[in-house]
Amino acid sequence: MLTSRLPNRVEPYRLAARSESLSGLMALDQFERLAEQVGAQTGDCQVWLDFGIDAQGRREIRGRVEAELQLPCRRCLEPMAQHVESEFLLGMVSSDALAAELPSTHEPVLVENEQLNLLEVIEDELILSLPQVVYHDEAHCRVSRDQLSSGEEAESSEPTPASPFEVLRHLKGKS
């Protein structure tokens, strides 16, 4: 079990040169963009990072992140626990031009002034790992199937013409 806190910033080139690994926890309440999308979170996410240099000389970060998030149910909007995890392979770059040269197996991560903001990297991975939609099981959701509207009742009681050209025919006076 991970107990140590990861720093918010690291020197990734130095870590890659030494083939070092970092593992630890990051507080979920630090992730502002995640909170904007799914609401405020509590607890920690677990992070494992392996820094290294591949056979082609690219500096890379292999990582994994896991978290238990409280995501809003799309039916009742009540929070529900959802396990989110992601494995990723990042290629360290210092410019957009270098990012374009990375193979498709690597996602670019921008390193500025030889510093990497781990907080942003982990937050990005969590956001990208969010499920598209989250629903409670029908038996446990406050909103029942009968309360959901499919929009059929909102339609007018006027009969629709058989053909769109039928309307034109009536407008021109040809019956």
Protein backbone atom coordinates (compact mmCIF):
# COMPACT_ATOMS: atom_id res chain seq x y z
CA MET A 1 0.00 0.00 0.00
CA LEU A 2 1.28 3.44 -0.94
CA THR A 3 1.66 5.92 1.87
CA SER A 4 4.12 8.58 0.69
CA ARG A 5 3.06 11.82 -1.00
CA LEU A 6 4.42 12.61 -4.44
CA PRO A 7 5.86 16.06 -5.09
CA ASN A 8 3.92 18.41 -7.38
CA ARG A 9 7.03 19.07 -9.52
CA VAL A 10 9.95 16.86 -10.53
CA GLU A 11 13.05 17.01 -12.74
CA PRO A 12 12.10 14.32 -15.27
CA TYR A 13 15.30 14.31 -17.34
CA ARG A 14 17.38 13.56 -14.25
CA LEU A 15 14.94 10.82 -13.18
CA ALA A 16 15.01 9.29 -16.68
CA ALA A 17 18.82 9.33 -16.81
CA ARG A 18 18.86 7.31 -13.57
CA SER A 19 15.91 5.07 -14.60
CA GLU A 20 14.17 5.94 -11.36
CA SER A 21 10.66 5.07 -10.25
CA LEU A 22 8.27 7.09 -8.15
CA SER A 23 5.17 5.80 -6.43
CA GLY A 24 2.90 7.44 -3.97
CA LEU A 25 -0.30 9.32 -3.36
CA MET A 26 -1.70 12.62 -4.60
CA ALA A 27 -4.65 14.33 -2.92
CA LEU A 28 -7.72 14.47 -5.16
CA ASP A 29 -8.77 17.84 -3.74
CA GLN A 30 -5.75 19.44 -5.52
CA PHE A 31 -7.22 18.74 -8.97
CA GLU A 32 -9.22 21.88 -9.84
CA ARG A 33 -10.08 20.95 -13.45
CA LEU A 34 -11.31 17.53 -12.35
CA ALA A 35 -13.51 19.19 -9.73
CA GLU A 36 -14.97 21.51 -12.39
CA GLN A 37 -16.04 18.49 -14.45
CA VAL A 38 -17.32 16.04 -11.84
CA GLY A 39 -17.46 17.92 -8.56
CA ALA A 40 -15.14 18.19 -5.58
CA GLN A 41 -13.34 15.00 -4.61
CA THR A 42 -11.83 13.73 -1.38
CA GLY A 43 -9.24 11.09 -0.72
CA ASP A 44 -6.14 10.20 -2.69
CA CYS A 45 -5.19 8.70 -6.02
CA GLN A 46 -2.41 6.13 -6.25
CA VAL A 47 0.34 6.83 -8.76
CA TRP A 48 3.19 4.69 -10.13
CA LEU A 49 5.74 6.27 -12.49
CA ASP A 50 8.79 4.70 -14.16
CA PHE A 51 11.17 7.16 -15.82
CA GLY A 52 13.58 5.91 -18.45
CA ILE A 53 15.18 6.19 -21.88
CA ASP A 54 13.99 3.82 -24.62
CA ALA A 55 16.12 2.12 -27.30
CA GLN A 56 15.73 5.11 -29.64
CA GLY A 57 16.99 7.53 -26.98
CA ARG A 58 13.58 9.02 -26.19
CA ARG A 59 12.99 9.97 -22.58
CA GLU A 60 9.72 8.44 -21.45
CA ILE A 61 7.44 7.95 -18.48
CA ARG A 62 5.48 4.75 -18.05
CA GLY A 63 2.77 5.27 -15.53
CA ARG A 64 -0.38 4.07 -13.88
CA VAL A 65 -2.95 5.94 -11.82
CA GLU A 66 -5.89 4.60 -9.81
CA ALA A 67 -8.56 6.48 -7.88
CA GLU A 68 -11.96 6.00 -6.33
CA LEU A 69 -13.98 9.01 -7.50
CA GLN A 70 -17.47 10.21 -6.64
CA LEU A 71 -19.10 10.83 -10.03
CA PRO A 72 -22.62 12.19 -10.56
CA CYS A 73 -25.23 9.70 -11.79
CA ARG A 74 -26.66 10.98 -15.09
CA ARG A 75 -30.19 10.08 -14.01
CA CYS A 76 -30.47 11.44 -10.46
CA LEU A 77 -27.26 13.53 -10.26
CA GLU A 78 -26.39 11.94 -6.89
CA PRO A 79 -22.71 11.03 -6.49
CA MET A 80 -21.72 7.40 -6.83
CA ALA A 81 -18.39 5.68 -6.28
CA GLN A 82 -16.56 4.81 -9.47
CA HIS A 83 -13.13 3.18 -9.76
CA VAL A 84 -11.02 4.97 -12.38
CA GLU A 85 -7.64 3.77 -13.59
CA SER A 86 -5.29 4.50 -16.44
CA GLU A 87 -2.02 3.20 -17.81
CA PHE A 88 -0.04 5.57 -19.98
CA LEU A 89 3.22 6.04 -21.87
CA LEU A 90 4.43 9.61 -22.13
CA GLY A 91 7.27 10.97 -24.25
CA MET A 92 9.03 13.98 -22.76
CA VAL A 93 9.33 16.91 -25.18
CA SER A 94 10.34 20.55 -24.87
CA SER A 95 8.37 21.88 -27.88
CA ASP A 96 5.38 21.16 -30.08
CA ALA A 97 7.71 20.35 -32.99
CA LEU A 98 9.30 17.55 -30.99
CA ALA A 99 5.86 16.32 -29.94
CA ALA A 100 4.95 15.81 -33.60
CA GLU A 101 7.97 13.51 -34.01
CA LEU A 102 6.88 11.09 -31.27
CA PRO A 103 5.56 7.71 -32.39
CA SER A 104 1.84 7.00 -31.96
CA THR A 105 2.61 4.80 -28.93
CA HIS A 106 3.66 7.85 -26.91
CA GLU A 107 1.60 10.80 -25.72
CA PRO A 108 3.63 13.99 -25.50
CA VAL A 109 4.21 15.69 -22.17
CA LEU A 110 5.73 19.16 -22.22
CA VAL A 111 8.72 19.71 -19.94
CA GLU A 112 9.42 23.39 -19.34
CA ASN A 113 12.66 24.61 -17.76
CA GLU A 114 13.58 20.98 -17.02
CA GLN A 115 10.61 20.79 -14.63
CA LEU A 116 7.50 18.65 -14.99
CA ASN A 117 4.29 19.53 -13.20
CA LEU A 118 3.22 16.07 -11.97
CA LEU A 119 -0.03 17.47 -10.61
CA GLU A 120 -1.16 18.50 -14.11
CA VAL A 121 0.01 15.24 -15.71
CA ILE A 122 -1.88 13.07 -13.23
CA GLU A 123 -4.96 15.29 -13.42
CA ASP A 124 -4.93 15.00 -17.23
CA GLU A 125 -4.77 11.22 -17.01
CA LEU A 126 -7.66 11.08 -14.54
CA ILE A 127 -9.80 13.34 -16.73
CA LEU A 128 -9.03 11.25 -19.82
CA SER A 129 -9.96 8.10 -17.89
CA LEU A 130 -13.40 9.29 -16.79
CA PRO A 131 -16.22 7.11 -18.09
CA GLN A 132 -18.50 8.73 -20.68
CA VAL A 133 -21.66 8.15 -18.66
CA VAL A 134 -22.27 6.92 -15.14
CA TYR A 135 -25.59 5.52 -13.94
CA HIS A 136 -26.71 3.91 -10.72
CA ASP A 137 -28.23 0.49 -11.15
CA GLU A 138 -31.97 1.04 -11.74
CA ALA A 139 -32.80 -0.65 -8.45
CA HIS A 140 -30.58 1.81 -6.54
CA CYS A 141 -31.33 5.05 -8.42
CA ARG A 142 -33.65 7.69 -6.95
CA VAL A 143 -35.11 8.34 -10.42
CA SER A 144 -37.24 5.49 -11.75
CA ARG A 145 -37.72 4.59 -15.39
CA ASP A 146 -41.29 5.96 -15.22
CA GLN A 147 -39.98 9.40 -14.21
CA LEU A 148 -37.70 9.65 -17.23
CA SER A 149 -39.21 11.41 -20.24
CA SER A 150 -38.28 10.33 -23.71
CA GLY A 151 -39.84 13.42 -25.27
CA GLU A 152 -42.76 11.56 -26.85
CA GLU A 153 -45.29 13.41 -24.68
CA ALA A 154 -43.84 16.75 -25.73
CA GLU A 155 -44.93 16.21 -29.34
CA SER A 156 -48.00 18.09 -30.48
CA SER A 157 -51.30 16.32 -30.97
CA GLU A 158 -51.48 17.64 -34.54
CA PRO A 159 -51.19 14.85 -37.10
CA THR A 160 -48.09 15.05 -39.25
CA PRO A 161 -48.58 15.17 -43.01
CA ALA A 162 -47.78 12.04 -44.95
CA SER A 163 -45.20 13.83 -47.06
CA PRO A 164 -43.29 17.07 -46.66
CA PHE A 165 -44.49 18.02 -50.14
CA GLU A 166 -48.09 17.65 -48.96
CA VAL A 167 -47.71 20.89 -47.01
CA LEU A 168 -46.44 22.68 -50.12
CA ARG A 169 -49.32 21.34 -52.16
CA HIS A 170 -51.81 22.78 -49.64
CA LEU A 171 -50.00 26.13 -49.60
CA LYS A 172 -50.17 26.39 -53.40
CA GLY A 173 -53.88 25.59 -53.26
CA LYS A 174 -53.65 22.27 -55.04
CA SER A 175 -55.66 19.70 -53.15
